[in-house]
Amino acid sequence: MTLQLASQAVRIATFTEPEDGLLLFANGRLVAIISQLRNSVSDELAGRWFLEAGFGPCAHRAPEAFDTAGDAERWVRSCLEVEWAGLEVS
C-alpha cells in the first residue's frame, strides 16, 4: 500500500502567543505534531519548525529544529518508510 502523508494546520497554545502548527497523518493515523517556533525562542530558532510530539515510528528524537515544514514532513516520511517498510499501514 502507498504511504499517504497529509497535514492539517492548527494553532497550538503556548504561555505567550499561539504558535502555528501542523498535525501530520500517515494513511489517516496521527504520527506527529510540529510547531513553528516564534517569540518564545532564540533568534536562531525563530521561524523554524520543531517536533512537539511523535507517535509510533516518529516517537524517537528528531533533529532540534527543521528549517521548513517540508523538511519536517520529509523527516516524518523517512521515519515511516524505515519503520513500516513492507508493512500494510492502511
N, C-alpha and C. Protein backbone atom coordinates (compact mmCIF):
# COMPACT_ATOMS: atom_id res chain seq x y z
N MET A 1 0.85 -1.18 0.00
CA MET A 1 0.00 0.00 0.00
C MET A 1 0.89 1.24 0.00
N THR A 2 0.45 2.26 -0.69
CA THR A 2 1.19 3.50 -0.80
C THR A 2 1.04 4.32 0.48
N LEU A 3 2.14 4.90 0.92
CA LEU A 3 2.12 5.76 2.09
C LEU A 3 1.58 7.12 1.68
N GLN A 4 0.50 7.55 2.32
CA GLN A 4 -0.10 8.85 2.06
C GLN A 4 0.13 9.74 3.27
N LEU A 5 0.90 10.80 3.10
CA LEU A 5 1.15 11.74 4.17
C LEU A 5 0.28 12.97 3.96
N ALA A 6 -0.46 13.36 5.00
CA ALA A 6 -1.34 14.52 4.93
C ALA A 6 -1.09 15.40 6.15
N SER A 7 -1.42 16.68 6.03
CA SER A 7 -1.24 17.60 7.15
C SER A 7 -2.50 18.42 7.36
N GLN A 8 -2.66 18.88 8.59
CA GLN A 8 -3.78 19.75 8.95
C GLN A 8 -3.22 20.89 9.79
N ALA A 9 -3.45 22.11 9.35
CA ALA A 9 -2.98 23.28 10.09
C ALA A 9 -3.76 23.44 11.39
N VAL A 10 -3.05 23.79 12.46
CA VAL A 10 -3.66 24.02 13.77
C VAL A 10 -2.94 25.18 14.45
N ARG A 11 -3.56 25.72 15.47
CA ARG A 11 -2.92 26.72 16.35
C ARG A 11 -2.64 26.00 17.65
N ILE A 12 -1.41 26.13 18.15
CA ILE A 12 -1.00 25.44 19.37
C ILE A 12 -0.88 26.47 20.49
N ALA A 13 -1.53 26.20 21.62
CA ALA A 13 -1.49 27.10 22.76
C ALA A 13 -0.11 27.07 23.40
N THR A 14 0.38 28.27 23.72
CA THR A 14 1.64 28.40 24.45
C THR A 14 1.41 29.38 25.60
N PHE A 15 2.44 29.62 26.39
CA PHE A 15 2.31 30.54 27.51
C PHE A 15 2.30 32.00 27.06
N THR A 16 2.75 32.26 25.83
CA THR A 16 2.77 33.63 25.33
C THR A 16 1.69 33.80 24.26
N GLU A 17 2.01 33.50 23.03
CA GLU A 17 1.07 33.60 21.92
C GLU A 17 0.87 32.23 21.28
N PRO A 18 -0.26 32.01 20.65
CA PRO A 18 -0.43 30.74 19.93
C PRO A 18 0.62 30.60 18.83
N GLU A 19 1.07 29.38 18.61
CA GLU A 19 2.03 29.08 17.55
C GLU A 19 1.32 28.38 16.42
N ASP A 20 1.81 28.58 15.19
CA ASP A 20 1.31 27.81 14.05
C ASP A 20 1.81 26.39 14.18
N GLY A 21 0.97 25.44 13.85
CA GLY A 21 1.37 24.05 13.92
C GLY A 21 0.74 23.22 12.82
N LEU A 22 1.21 22.01 12.71
CA LEU A 22 0.66 21.05 11.76
C LEU A 22 0.51 19.70 12.44
N LEU A 23 -0.62 19.07 12.22
CA LEU A 23 -0.81 17.67 12.57
C LEU A 23 -0.43 16.89 11.32
N LEU A 24 0.43 15.89 11.46
CA LEU A 24 0.86 15.10 10.31
C LEU A 24 0.29 13.69 10.44
N PHE A 25 -0.38 13.27 9.38
CA PHE A 25 -1.05 11.98 9.35
C PHE A 25 -0.43 11.09 8.28
N ALA A 26 -0.28 9.81 8.59
CA ALA A 26 0.15 8.81 7.61
C ALA A 26 -1.00 7.84 7.44
N ASN A 27 -1.56 7.82 6.24
CA ASN A 27 -2.71 6.95 5.94
C ASN A 27 -3.80 7.09 7.00
N GLY A 28 -4.07 8.34 7.39
CA GLY A 28 -5.15 8.64 8.33
C GLY A 28 -4.79 8.51 9.79
N ARG A 29 -3.56 8.12 10.10
CA ARG A 29 -3.13 7.97 11.50
C ARG A 29 -2.22 9.13 11.90
N LEU A 30 -2.50 9.74 13.05
CA LEU A 30 -1.66 10.84 13.54
C LEU A 30 -0.28 10.29 13.91
N VAL A 31 0.76 10.84 13.29
CA VAL A 31 2.12 10.38 13.56
C VAL A 31 3.01 11.47 14.13
N ALA A 32 2.64 12.75 13.97
CA ALA A 32 3.48 13.81 14.50
C ALA A 32 2.71 15.12 14.62
N ILE A 33 3.16 15.94 15.56
CA ILE A 33 2.68 17.30 15.73
C ILE A 33 3.92 18.19 15.68
N ILE A 34 3.93 19.15 14.75
CA ILE A 34 5.05 20.07 14.66
C ILE A 34 4.55 21.50 14.85
N SER A 35 5.41 22.37 15.36
CA SER A 35 5.04 23.77 15.54
C SER A 35 6.14 24.65 14.99
N GLN A 36 5.71 25.84 14.55
CA GLN A 36 6.68 26.81 14.06
C GLN A 36 7.08 27.70 15.23
N LEU A 37 8.35 27.70 15.53
CA LEU A 37 8.87 28.46 16.67
C LEU A 37 8.84 29.95 16.36
N ARG A 38 8.38 30.73 17.30
CA ARG A 38 8.24 32.18 17.10
C ARG A 38 8.89 32.96 18.23
N ASN A 39 8.07 33.62 19.02
CA ASN A 39 8.53 34.59 20.01
C ASN A 39 9.20 33.99 21.24
N SER A 40 8.92 32.73 21.54
CA SER A 40 9.38 32.16 22.80
C SER A 40 10.76 31.51 22.72
N VAL A 41 11.45 31.72 21.61
CA VAL A 41 12.75 31.08 21.43
C VAL A 41 13.79 32.09 20.97
N SER A 42 15.01 31.61 20.86
CA SER A 42 16.10 32.48 20.42
C SER A 42 15.91 32.90 18.97
N ASP A 43 16.60 33.97 18.60
CA ASP A 43 16.55 34.44 17.21
C ASP A 43 17.02 33.36 16.25
N GLU A 44 17.95 32.52 16.68
CA GLU A 44 18.49 31.46 15.84
C GLU A 44 17.41 30.45 15.44
N LEU A 45 16.48 30.16 16.35
CA LEU A 45 15.45 29.16 16.08
C LEU A 45 14.13 29.75 15.60
N ALA A 46 13.94 31.04 15.73
CA ALA A 46 12.67 31.67 15.35
C ALA A 46 12.36 31.39 13.88
N GLY A 47 11.13 30.95 13.63
CA GLY A 47 10.67 30.66 12.29
C GLY A 47 10.90 29.22 11.86
N ARG A 48 11.72 28.49 12.60
CA ARG A 48 11.97 27.09 12.26
C ARG A 48 10.87 26.22 12.85
N TRP A 49 10.84 24.95 12.48
CA TRP A 49 9.80 24.01 12.90
C TRP A 49 10.37 22.99 13.86
N PHE A 50 9.57 22.62 14.87
CA PHE A 50 10.00 21.76 15.97
C PHE A 50 9.01 20.61 16.14
N LEU A 51 9.52 19.42 16.39
CA LEU A 51 8.66 18.26 16.67
C LEU A 51 8.16 18.37 18.10
N GLU A 52 6.87 18.65 18.26
CA GLU A 52 6.26 18.72 19.59
C GLU A 52 5.99 17.32 20.14
N ALA A 53 5.52 16.45 19.25
CA ALA A 53 5.21 15.07 19.65
C ALA A 53 5.28 14.18 18.42
N GLY A 54 5.83 13.00 18.62
CA GLY A 54 5.85 12.00 17.56
C GLY A 54 5.22 10.73 18.10
N PHE A 55 4.57 9.98 17.24
CA PHE A 55 3.88 8.76 17.64
C PHE A 55 4.32 7.62 16.74
N GLY A 56 4.30 6.40 17.31
CA GLY A 56 4.69 5.23 16.53
C GLY A 56 6.10 5.38 16.00
N PRO A 57 6.31 5.23 14.71
CA PRO A 57 7.65 5.31 14.14
C PRO A 57 8.30 6.68 14.29
N CYS A 58 7.52 7.70 14.59
CA CYS A 58 8.07 9.05 14.74
C CYS A 58 8.30 9.43 16.20
N ALA A 59 8.22 8.46 17.10
CA ALA A 59 8.36 8.75 18.52
C ALA A 59 9.81 8.98 18.94
N HIS A 60 10.76 8.53 18.12
CA HIS A 60 12.15 8.77 18.52
C HIS A 60 12.56 10.20 18.25
N ARG A 61 13.61 10.62 18.86
CA ARG A 61 14.04 12.02 18.85
C ARG A 61 14.35 12.52 17.43
N ALA A 62 13.81 13.68 17.12
CA ALA A 62 14.05 14.34 15.84
C ALA A 62 15.21 15.32 16.00
N PRO A 63 15.70 15.83 14.89
CA PRO A 63 16.68 16.92 14.98
C PRO A 63 16.09 18.07 15.79
N GLU A 64 16.95 18.94 16.31
CA GLU A 64 16.49 20.02 17.18
C GLU A 64 15.39 20.85 16.52
N ALA A 65 15.59 21.23 15.28
CA ALA A 65 14.59 22.01 14.57
C ALA A 65 14.79 21.81 13.07
N PHE A 66 13.72 22.03 12.33
CA PHE A 66 13.74 21.91 10.87
C PHE A 66 13.63 23.30 10.27
N ASP A 67 14.29 23.52 9.16
CA ASP A 67 14.23 24.84 8.51
C ASP A 67 12.83 25.15 8.00
N THR A 68 12.13 24.15 7.47
CA THR A 68 10.80 24.36 6.90
C THR A 68 9.87 23.23 7.34
N ALA A 69 8.57 23.47 7.17
CA ALA A 69 7.60 22.41 7.44
C ALA A 69 7.83 21.25 6.48
N GLY A 70 8.23 21.54 5.26
CA GLY A 70 8.53 20.49 4.29
C GLY A 70 9.67 19.60 4.74
N ASP A 71 10.69 20.20 5.39
CA ASP A 71 11.80 19.40 5.93
C ASP A 71 11.29 18.47 7.02
N ALA A 72 10.41 18.97 7.87
CA ALA A 72 9.84 18.14 8.94
C ALA A 72 9.01 17.00 8.34
N GLU A 73 8.23 17.31 7.32
CA GLU A 73 7.42 16.28 6.67
C GLU A 73 8.31 15.22 6.02
N ARG A 74 9.43 15.62 5.42
CA ARG A 74 10.36 14.65 4.84
C ARG A 74 10.97 13.76 5.92
N TRP A 75 11.26 14.34 7.10
CA TRP A 75 11.80 13.54 8.21
C TRP A 75 10.75 12.51 8.65
N VAL A 76 9.49 12.94 8.77
CA VAL A 76 8.41 12.03 9.14
C VAL A 76 8.30 10.91 8.12
N ARG A 77 8.30 11.25 6.84
CA ARG A 77 8.21 10.24 5.79
C ARG A 77 9.37 9.25 5.90
N SER A 78 10.57 9.73 6.17
CA SER A 78 11.72 8.82 6.27
C SER A 78 11.56 7.88 7.47
N CYS A 79 11.03 8.37 8.58
CA CYS A 79 10.76 7.51 9.74
C CYS A 79 9.79 6.41 9.37
N LEU A 80 8.74 6.79 8.68
CA LEU A 80 7.69 5.84 8.31
C LEU A 80 8.21 4.82 7.30
N GLU A 81 8.98 5.26 6.34
CA GLU A 81 9.49 4.34 5.32
C GLU A 81 10.43 3.31 5.93
N VAL A 82 11.25 3.73 6.90
CA VAL A 82 12.18 2.80 7.55
C VAL A 82 11.43 1.85 8.46
N GLU A 83 10.56 2.37 9.31
CA GLU A 83 9.88 1.56 10.31
C GLU A 83 8.77 0.68 9.72
N TRP A 84 8.10 1.17 8.71
CA TRP A 84 6.95 0.46 8.17
C TRP A 84 7.25 -0.25 6.86
N ALA A 85 8.51 -0.34 6.50
CA ALA A 85 8.87 -0.99 5.23
C ALA A 85 8.27 -2.39 5.17
N GLY A 86 7.52 -2.63 4.14
CA GLY A 86 6.92 -3.93 3.94
C GLY A 86 5.67 -4.19 4.74
N LEU A 87 5.25 -3.26 5.58
CA LEU A 87 4.02 -3.45 6.37
C LEU A 87 2.87 -2.71 5.73
N GLU A 88 1.68 -3.24 5.87
CA GLU A 88 0.49 -2.53 5.40
C GLU A 88 0.11 -1.52 6.46
N VAL A 89 -0.08 -0.25 6.08
CA VAL A 89 -0.38 0.81 7.03
C VAL A 89 -1.74 1.44 6.77
N SER A 90 -2.66 0.65 6.30
CA SER A 90 -3.99 1.20 5.99
C SER A 90 -4.77 1.50 7.25
